[in-house]
Amino acid sequence: MLRLEERMAKALERVNNDRYILSIAVGQRADELSKGAKPLLEQNTQNMKYTDIAIDEIANGLLVIEGLVDKED
Protein backbone atom coordinates (compact mmCIF):
# COMPACT_ATOMS: atom_id res chain seq x y z
CA MET A 1 0.00 0.00 0.00
CA LEU A 2 1.25 3.46 -0.88
CA ARG A 3 1.82 6.13 1.73
CA LEU A 4 -0.95 8.66 2.26
CA GLU A 5 0.99 11.42 0.49
CA GLU A 6 1.40 9.27 -2.61
CA ARG A 7 -2.28 8.27 -2.63
CA MET A 8 -3.33 11.92 -2.21
CA ALA A 9 -1.08 12.98 -5.10
CA LYS A 10 -2.67 10.36 -7.36
CA ALA A 11 -6.16 11.41 -6.29
CA LEU A 12 -5.34 15.09 -6.90
CA GLU A 13 -4.21 14.25 -10.43
CA ARG A 14 -7.63 12.67 -11.08
CA VAL A 15 -9.40 15.93 -10.18
CA ASN A 16 -7.08 18.29 -12.09
CA ASN A 17 -5.21 19.24 -8.89
CA ASP A 18 -8.28 20.91 -7.43
CA ARG A 19 -8.12 20.37 -3.66
CA TYR A 20 -11.62 21.76 -3.15
CA ILE A 21 -13.23 19.24 -5.50
CA LEU A 22 -11.19 16.43 -3.96
CA SER A 23 -12.20 17.37 -0.41
CA ILE A 24 -15.90 17.54 -1.37
CA ALA A 25 -15.72 14.21 -3.22
CA VAL A 26 -13.90 12.45 -0.36
CA GLY A 27 -16.36 13.83 2.19
CA GLN A 28 -19.40 12.75 0.20
CA ARG A 29 -18.01 9.29 -0.50
CA ALA A 30 -16.97 8.80 3.14
CA ASP A 31 -20.52 9.73 4.16
CA GLU A 32 -21.94 7.16 1.71
CA LEU A 33 -19.59 4.49 3.07
CA SER A 34 -20.56 5.29 6.67
CA LYS A 35 -24.22 4.77 5.71
CA GLY A 36 -23.56 1.31 4.29
CA ALA A 37 -22.33 1.74 0.70
CA LYS A 38 -20.03 -1.06 -0.44
CA PRO A 39 -16.37 -0.10 -1.08
CA LEU A 40 -15.27 -0.34 -4.71
CA LEU A 41 -11.77 -1.51 -3.77
CA GLU A 42 -10.85 -5.16 -4.17
CA GLN A 43 -8.55 -5.12 -1.13
CA ASN A 44 -9.62 -5.77 2.45
CA THR A 45 -11.03 -2.48 3.76
CA GLN A 46 -12.17 -3.70 7.16
CA ASN A 47 -9.48 -1.82 9.10
CA MET A 48 -9.48 1.30 6.91
CA LYS A 49 -11.10 4.64 7.66
CA TYR A 50 -13.88 5.78 5.34
CA THR A 51 -11.83 8.75 4.13
CA ASP A 52 -8.88 6.49 3.25
CA ILE A 53 -11.18 4.20 1.26
CA ALA A 54 -12.62 7.20 -0.60
CA ILE A 55 -9.15 8.58 -1.41
CA ASP A 56 -8.03 5.18 -2.71
CA GLU A 57 -11.16 4.81 -4.84
CA ILE A 58 -10.54 8.19 -6.45
CA ALA A 59 -6.80 7.60 -6.87
CA ASN A 60 -7.44 4.25 -8.60
CA GLY A 61 -10.05 5.74 -10.91
CA LEU A 62 -12.86 3.61 -9.48
CA LEU A 63 -14.98 6.59 -8.50
CA VAL A 64 -16.15 9.00 -11.20
CA ILE A 65 -16.74 12.56 -10.06
CA GLU A 66 -19.63 14.09 -11.97
CA GLY A 67 -19.27 17.59 -13.30
CA LEU A 68 -15.50 17.34 -13.59
CA VAL A 69 -14.38 18.49 -17.04
CA ASP A 70 -10.88 18.04 -18.39
CA LYS A 71 -9.31 21.41 -19.10
CA GLU A 72 -7.52 21.64 -22.41
CA ASP A 73 -4.27 23.60 -22.44
PDB file of N, CA and C in Angstrom:
ATOM      1  N   MET A   1       0.845  -1.177   0.000  1.00  0.00           N
ATOM      2  CA  MET A   1       0.000   0.000   0.000  1.00  0.00           C
ATOM      3  C   MET A   1       0.892   1.243   0.000  1.00  0.00           C
ATOM      4  N   LEU A   2       0.506   2.206  -0.787  1.00  0.00           N
ATOM      5  CA  LEU A   2       1.254   3.455  -0.876  1.00  0.00           C
ATOM      6  C   LEU A   2       1.026   4.306   0.366  1.00  0.00           C
ATOM      7  N   ARG A   3       1.973   5.193   0.612  1.00  0.00           N
ATOM      8  CA  ARG A   3       1.821   6.127   1.727  1.00  0.00           C
ATOM      9  C   ARG A   3       0.709   7.114   1.398  1.00  0.00           C
ATOM     10  N   LEU A   4       0.158   7.733   2.422  1.00  0.00           N
ATOM     11  CA  LEU A   4      -0.953   8.658   2.255  1.00  0.00           C
ATOM     12  C   LEU A   4      -0.609   9.793   1.289  1.00  0.00           C
ATOM     13  N   GLU A   5       0.599  10.329   1.378  1.00  0.00           N
ATOM     14  CA  GLU A   5       0.992  11.424   0.495  1.00  0.00           C
ATOM     15  C   GLU A   5       0.960  10.999  -0.961  1.00  0.00           C
ATOM     16  N   GLU A   6       1.393   9.777  -1.237  1.00  0.00           N
ATOM     17  CA  GLU A   6       1.400   9.270  -2.612  1.00  0.00           C
ATOM     18  C   GLU A   6      -0.022   9.027  -3.117  1.00  0.00           C
ATOM     19  N   ARG A   7      -0.878   8.503  -2.249  1.00  0.00           N
ATOM     20  CA  ARG A   7      -2.277   8.267  -2.633  1.00  0.00           C
ATOM     21  C   ARG A   7      -2.993   9.592  -2.872  1.00  0.00           C
ATOM     22  N   MET A   8      -2.723  10.601  -2.036  1.00  0.00           N
ATOM     23  CA  MET A   8      -3.328  11.920  -2.206  1.00  0.00           C
ATOM     24  C   MET A   8      -2.870  12.559  -3.511  1.00  0.00           C
ATOM     25  N   ALA A   9      -1.593  12.409  -3.856  1.00  0.00           N
ATOM     26  CA  ALA A   9      -1.077  12.980  -5.098  1.00  0.00           C
ATOM     27  C   ALA A   9      -1.771  12.348  -6.308  1.00  0.00           C
ATOM     28  N   LYS A  10      -1.967  11.035  -6.267  1.00  0.00           N
ATOM     29  CA  LYS A  10      -2.668  10.361  -7.362  1.00  0.00           C
ATOM     30  C   LYS A  10      -4.119  10.821  -7.453  1.00  0.00           C
ATOM     31  N   ALA A  11      -4.770  10.964  -6.306  1.00  0.00           N
ATOM     32  CA  ALA A  11      -6.163  11.415  -6.286  1.00  0.00           C
ATOM     33  C   ALA A  11      -6.271  12.855  -6.797  1.00  0.00           C
ATOM     34  N   LEU A  12      -5.333  13.700  -6.423  1.00  0.00           N
ATOM     35  CA  LEU A  12      -5.342  15.087  -6.898  1.00  0.00           C
ATOM     36  C   LEU A  12      -5.188  15.158  -8.414  1.00  0.00           C
ATOM     37  N   GLU A  13      -4.370  14.289  -8.978  1.00  0.00           N
ATOM     38  CA  GLU A  13      -4.213  14.250 -10.431  1.00  0.00           C
ATOM     39  C   GLU A  13      -5.538  13.931 -11.111  1.00  0.00           C
ATOM     40  N   ARG A  14      -6.339  13.069 -10.494  1.00  0.00           N
ATOM     41  CA  ARG A  14      -7.631  12.670 -11.075  1.00  0.00           C
ATOM     42  C   ARG A  14      -8.639  13.810 -11.115  1.00  0.00           C
ATOM     43  N   VAL A  15      -8.463  14.798 -10.234  1.00  0.00           N
ATOM     44  CA  VAL A  15      -9.399  15.925 -10.179  1.00  0.00           C
ATOM     45  C   VAL A  15      -8.733  17.233 -10.624  1.00  0.00           C
ATOM     46  N   ASN A  16      -7.766  17.116 -11.526  1.00  0.00           N
ATOM     47  CA  ASN A  16      -7.075  18.289 -12.091  1.00  0.00           C
ATOM     48  C   ASN A  16      -6.434  19.166 -11.023  1.00  0.00           C
ATOM     49  N   ASN A  17      -5.895  18.546  -9.985  1.00  0.00           N
ATOM     50  CA  ASN A  17      -5.206  19.238  -8.890  1.00  0.00           C
ATOM     51  C   ASN A  17      -6.068  20.270  -8.176  1.00  0.00           C
ATOM     52  N   ASP A  18      -7.352  20.017  -8.115  1.00  0.00           N
ATOM     53  CA  ASP A  18      -8.281  20.909  -7.426  1.00  0.00           C
ATOM     54  C   ASP A  18      -8.587  20.323  -6.048  1.00  0.00           C
ATOM     55  N   ARG A  19      -7.966  20.885  -5.022  1.00  0.00           N
ATOM     56  CA  ARG A  19      -8.120  20.367  -3.660  1.00  0.00           C
ATOM     57  C   ARG A  19      -9.550  20.507  -3.149  1.00  0.00           C
ATOM     58  N   TYR A  20     -10.235  21.552  -3.581  1.00  0.00           N
ATOM     59  CA  TYR A  20     -11.616  21.764  -3.145  1.00  0.00           C
ATOM     60  C   TYR A  20     -12.515  20.636  -3.655  1.00  0.00           C
ATOM     61  N   ILE A  21     -12.414  20.322  -4.935  1.00  0.00           N
ATOM     62  CA  ILE A  21     -13.227  19.240  -5.503  1.00  0.00           C
ATOM     63  C   ILE A  21     -12.888  17.921  -4.821  1.00  0.00           C
ATOM     64  N   LEU A  22     -11.593  17.675  -4.596  1.00  0.00           N
ATOM     65  CA  LEU A  22     -11.190  16.429  -3.955  1.00  0.00           C
ATOM     66  C   LEU A  22     -11.758  16.336  -2.540  1.00  0.00           C
ATOM     67  N   SER A  23     -11.702  17.419  -1.780  1.00  0.00           N
ATOM     68  CA  SER A  23     -12.204  17.370  -0.406  1.00  0.00           C
ATOM     69  C   SER A  23     -13.711  17.133  -0.374  1.00  0.00           C
ATOM     70  N   ILE A  24     -14.449  17.754  -1.299  1.00  0.00           N
ATOM     71  CA  ILE A  24     -15.900  17.543  -1.371  1.00  0.00           C
ATOM     72  C   ILE A  24     -16.200  16.094  -1.745  1.00  0.00           C
ATOM     73  N   ALA A  25     -15.485  15.579  -2.753  1.00  0.00           N
ATOM     74  CA  ALA A  25     -15.720  14.206  -3.217  1.00  0.00           C
ATOM     75  C   ALA A  25     -15.396  13.184  -2.125  1.00  0.00           C
ATOM     76  N   VAL A  26     -14.284  13.374  -1.431  1.00  0.00           N
ATOM     77  CA  VAL A  26     -13.900  12.454  -0.358  1.00  0.00           C
ATOM     78  C   VAL A  26     -14.927  12.509   0.763  1.00  0.00           C
ATOM     79  N   GLY A  27     -15.360  13.692   1.122  1.00  0.00           N
ATOM     80  CA  GLY A  27     -16.356  13.832   2.187  1.00  0.00           C
ATOM     81  C   GLY A  27     -17.676  13.160   1.846  1.00  0.00           C
ATOM     82  N   GLN A  28     -18.135  13.366   0.614  1.00  0.00           N
ATOM     83  CA  GLN A  28     -19.401  12.751   0.198  1.00  0.00           C
ATOM     84  C   GLN A  28     -19.290  11.233   0.141  1.00  0.00           C
ATOM     85  N   ARG A  29     -18.178  10.743  -0.395  1.00  0.00           N
ATOM     86  CA  ARG A  29     -18.011   9.288  -0.498  1.00  0.00           C
ATOM     87  C   ARG A  29     -17.858   8.667   0.887  1.00  0.00           C
ATOM     88  N   ALA A  30     -17.132   9.317   1.780  1.00  0.00           N
ATOM     89  CA  ALA A  30     -16.965   8.802   3.140  1.00  0.00           C
ATOM     90  C   ALA A  30     -18.323   8.736   3.837  1.00  0.00           C
ATOM     91  N   ASP A  31     -19.170   9.732   3.594  1.00  0.00           N
ATOM     92  CA  ASP A  31     -20.519   9.727   4.158  1.00  0.00           C
ATOM     93  C   ASP A  31     -21.331   8.548   3.621  1.00  0.00           C
ATOM     94  N   GLU A  32     -21.232   8.298   2.308  1.00  0.00           N
ATOM     95  CA  GLU A  32     -21.936   7.158   1.706  1.00  0.00           C
ATOM     96  C   GLU A  32     -21.462   5.840   2.325  1.00  0.00           C
ATOM     97  N   LEU A  33     -20.147   5.722   2.498  1.00  0.00           N
ATOM     98  CA  LEU A  33     -19.588   4.491   3.072  1.00  0.00           C
ATOM     99  C   LEU A  33     -20.047   4.304   4.518  1.00  0.00           C
ATOM    100  N   SER A  34     -20.140   5.399   5.271  1.00  0.00           N
ATOM    101  CA  SER A  34     -20.565   5.290   6.668  1.00  0.00           C
ATOM    102  C   SER A  34     -22.031   4.876   6.785  1.00  0.00           C
ATOM    103  N   LYS A  35     -22.796   5.134   5.720  1.00  0.00           N
ATOM    104  CA  LYS A  35     -24.216   4.774   5.711  1.00  0.00           C
ATOM    105  C   LYS A  35     -24.474   3.419   5.061  1.00  0.00           C
ATOM    106  N   GLY A  36     -23.395   2.671   4.760  1.00  0.00           N
ATOM    107  CA  GLY A  36     -23.564   1.305   4.287  1.00  0.00           C
ATOM    108  C   GLY A  36     -23.209   1.014   2.853  1.00  0.00           C
ATOM    109  N   ALA A  37     -22.730   1.994   2.089  1.00  0.00           N
ATOM    110  CA  ALA A  37     -22.330   1.737   0.700  1.00  0.00           C
ATOM    111  C   ALA A  37     -21.144   0.770   0.688  1.00  0.00           C
ATOM    112  N   LYS A  38     -21.102  -0.070  -0.320  1.00  0.00           N
ATOM    113  CA  LYS A  38     -20.027  -1.057  -0.439  1.00  0.00           C
ATOM    114  C   LYS A  38     -18.790  -0.407  -1.060  1.00  0.00           C
ATOM    115  N   PRO A  39     -17.605  -0.632  -0.488  1.00  0.00           N
ATOM    116  CA  PRO A  39     -16.371  -0.099  -1.076  1.00  0.00           C
ATOM    117  C   PRO A  39     -16.129  -0.700  -2.459  1.00  0.00           C
ATOM    118  N   LEU A  40     -15.566   0.101  -3.359  1.00  0.00           N
ATOM    119  CA  LEU A  40     -15.274  -0.340  -4.709  1.00  0.00           C
ATOM    120  C   LEU A  40     -13.902  -1.009  -4.810  1.00  0.00           C
ATOM    121  N   LEU A  41     -13.114  -0.924  -3.768  1.00  0.00           N
ATOM    122  CA  LEU A  41     -11.771  -1.508  -3.768  1.00  0.00           C
ATOM    123  C   LEU A  41     -11.840  -3.023  -3.628  1.00  0.00           C
ATOM    124  N   GLU A  42     -10.887  -3.703  -4.259  1.00  0.00           N
ATOM    125  CA  GLU A  42     -10.847  -5.156  -4.174  1.00  0.00           C
ATOM    126  C   GLU A  42     -10.043  -5.636  -2.966  1.00  0.00           C
ATOM    127  N   GLN A  43      -9.345  -4.743  -2.299  1.00  0.00           N
ATOM    128  CA  GLN A  43      -8.552  -5.121  -1.135  1.00  0.00           C
ATOM    129  C   GLN A  43      -9.429  -5.142   0.120  1.00  0.00           C
ATOM    130  N   ASN A  44      -8.902  -5.708   1.186  1.00  0.00           N
ATOM    131  CA  ASN A  44      -9.619  -5.768   2.454  1.00  0.00           C
ATOM    132  C   ASN A  44      -9.664  -4.362   3.058  1.00  0.00           C
ATOM    133  N   THR A  45     -10.863  -3.845   3.247  1.00  0.00           N
ATOM    134  CA  THR A  45     -11.031  -2.480   3.761  1.00  0.00           C
ATOM    135  C   THR A  45     -11.561  -2.449   5.188  1.00  0.00           C
ATOM    136  N   GLN A  46     -11.561  -3.599   5.833  1.00  0.00           N
ATOM    137  CA  GLN A  46     -12.168  -3.704   7.161  1.00  0.00           C
ATOM    138  C   GLN A  46     -11.499  -2.804   8.197  1.00  0.00           C
ATOM    139  N   ASN A  47     -10.187  -2.627   8.099  1.00  0.00           N
ATOM    140  CA  ASN A  47      -9.476  -1.823   9.099  1.00  0.00           C
ATOM    141  C   ASN A  47      -9.127  -0.434   8.593  1.00  0.00           C
ATOM    142  N   MET A  48      -9.763  -0.013   7.498  1.00  0.00           N
ATOM    143  CA  MET A  48      -9.476   1.301   6.910  1.00  0.00           C
ATOM    144  C   MET A  48     -10.548   2.310   7.315  1.00  0.00           C
ATOM    145  N   LYS A  49     -10.150   3.562   7.404  1.00  0.00           N
ATOM    146  CA  LYS A  49     -11.101   4.640   7.661  1.00  0.00           C
ATOM    147  C   LYS A  49     -11.859   4.939   6.368  1.00  0.00           C
ATOM    148  N   TYR A  50     -13.060   5.475   6.508  1.00  0.00           N
ATOM    149  CA  TYR A  50     -13.878   5.780   5.338  1.00  0.00           C
ATOM    150  C   TYR A  50     -13.189   6.775   4.406  1.00  0.00           C
ATOM    151  N   THR A  51     -12.509   7.756   4.971  1.00  0.00           N
ATOM    152  CA  THR A  51     -11.830   8.746   4.130  1.00  0.00           C
ATOM    153  C   THR A  51     -10.684   8.109   3.342  1.00  0.00           C
ATOM    154  N   ASP A  52      -9.969   7.174   3.953  1.00  0.00           N
ATOM    155  CA  ASP A  52      -8.884   6.488   3.251  1.00  0.00           C
ATOM    156  C   ASP A  52      -9.426   5.644   2.097  1.00  0.00           C
ATOM    157  N   ILE A  53     -10.558   4.996   2.321  1.00  0.00           N
ATOM    158  CA  ILE A  53     -11.176   4.204   1.258  1.00  0.00           C
ATOM    159  C   ILE A  53     -11.574   5.125   0.112  1.00  0.00           C
ATOM    160  N   ALA A  54     -12.189   6.260   0.428  1.00  0.00           N
ATOM    161  CA  ALA A  54     -12.618   7.205  -0.597  1.00  0.00           C
ATOM    162  C   ALA A  54     -11.431   7.741  -1.399  1.00  0.00           C
ATOM    163  N   ILE A  55     -10.352   8.083  -0.729  1.00  0.00           N
ATOM    164  CA  ILE A  55      -9.154   8.579  -1.411  1.00  0.00           C
ATOM    165  C   ILE A  55      -8.605   7.514  -2.344  1.00  0.00           C
ATOM    166  N   ASP A  56      -8.534   6.274  -1.877  1.00  0.00           N
ATOM    167  CA  ASP A  56      -8.028   5.181  -2.708  1.00  0.00           C
ATOM    168  C   ASP A  56      -8.929   4.926  -3.912  1.00  0.00           C
ATOM    169  N   GLU A  57     -10.228   5.013  -3.724  1.00  0.00           N
ATOM    170  CA  GLU A  57     -11.159   4.811  -4.839  1.00  0.00           C
ATOM    171  C   GLU A  57     -10.954   5.880  -5.907  1.00  0.00           C
ATOM    172  N   ILE A  58     -10.767   7.107  -5.499  1.00  0.00           N
ATOM    173  CA  ILE A  58     -10.543   8.194  -6.450  1.00  0.00           C
ATOM    174  C   ILE A  58      -9.180   8.038  -7.116  1.00  0.00           C
ATOM    175  N   ALA A  59      -8.150   7.742  -6.340  1.00  0.00           N
ATOM    176  CA  ALA A  59      -6.800   7.598  -6.873  1.00  0.00           C
ATOM    177  C   ALA A  59      -6.709   6.473  -7.894  1.00  0.00           C
ATOM    178  N   ASN A  60      -7.473   5.404  -7.682  1.00  0.00           N
ATOM    179  CA  ASN A  60      -7.435   4.254  -8.600  1.00  0.00           C
ATOM    180  C   ASN A  60      -8.415   4.398  -9.756  1.00  0.00           C
ATOM    181  N   GLY A  61      -9.135   5.508  -9.808  1.00  0.00           N
ATOM    182  CA  GLY A  61     -10.053   5.744 -10.911  1.00  0.00           C
ATOM    183  C   GLY A  61     -11.334   4.938 -10.825  1.00  0.00           C
ATOM    184  N   LEU A  62     -11.655   4.414  -9.652  1.00  0.00           N
ATOM    185  CA  LEU A  62     -12.859   3.607  -9.483  1.00  0.00           C
ATOM    186  C   LEU A  62     -14.092   4.465  -9.236  1.00  0.00           C
ATOM    187  N   LEU A  63     -13.885   5.691  -8.828  1.00  0.00           N
ATOM    188  CA  LEU A  63     -14.980   6.591  -8.502  1.00  0.00           C
ATOM    189  C   LEU A  63     -14.966   7.749  -9.485  1.00  0.00           C
ATOM    190  N   VAL A  64     -16.048   7.921 -10.218  1.00  0.00           N
ATOM    191  CA  VAL A  64     -16.150   9.002 -11.196  1.00  0.00           C
ATOM    192  C   VAL A  64     -16.818  10.193 -10.523  1.00  0.00           C
ATOM    193  N   ILE A  65     -16.207  11.345 -10.658  1.00  0.00           N
ATOM    194  CA  ILE A  65     -16.739  12.561 -10.057  1.00  0.00           C
ATOM    195  C   ILE A  65     -17.491  13.314 -11.143  1.00  0.00           C
ATOM    196  N   GLU A  66     -18.803  13.422 -10.968  1.00  0.00           N
ATOM    197  CA  GLU A  66     -19.631  14.092 -11.969  1.00  0.00           C
ATOM    198  C   GLU A  66     -19.369  15.587 -11.985  1.00  0.00           C
ATOM    199  N   GLY A  67     -19.467  16.163 -13.170  1.00  0.00           N
ATOM    200  CA  GLY A  67     -19.272  17.594 -13.303  1.00  0.00           C
ATOM    201  C   GLY A  67     -17.821  18.001 -13.479  1.00  0.00           C
ATOM    202  N   LEU A  68     -16.918  17.042 -13.424  1.00  0.00           N
ATOM    203  CA  LEU A  68     -15.496  17.341 -13.592  1.00  0.00           C
ATOM    204  C   LEU A  68     -15.170  17.285 -15.070  1.00  0.00           C
ATOM    205  N   VAL A  69     -14.700  18.393 -15.603  1.00  0.00           N
ATOM    206  CA  VAL A  69     -14.384  18.486 -17.039  1.00  0.00           C
ATOM    207  C   VAL A  69     -12.891  18.665 -17.200  1.00  0.00           C
ATOM    208  N   ASP A  70     -12.307  17.893 -18.110  1.00  0.00           N
ATOM    209  CA  ASP A  70     -10.881  18.043 -18.387  1.00  0.00           C
ATOM    210  C   ASP A  70     -10.633  19.399 -19.044  1.00  0.00           C
ATOM    211  N   LYS A  71      -9.663  20.120 -18.525  1.00  0.00           N
ATOM    212  CA  LYS A  71      -9.313  21.414 -19.096  1.00  0.00           C
ATOM    213  C   LYS A  71      -8.254  21.199 -20.175  1.00  0.00           C
ATOM    214  N   GLU A  72      -8.508  21.752 -21.334  1.00  0.00           N
ATOM    215  CA  GLU A  72      -7.519  21.637 -22.407  1.00  0.00           C
ATOM    216  C   GLU A  72      -6.578  22.833 -22.337  1.00  0.00           C
ATOM    217  N   ASP A  73      -5.294  22.535 -22.506  1.00  0.00           N
ATOM    218  CA  ASP A  73      -4.273  23.599 -22.437  1.00  0.00           C
ATOM    219  C   ASP A  73      -4.119  24.275 -23.772  1.00  0.00           C
TER     220      ASP A  73
END
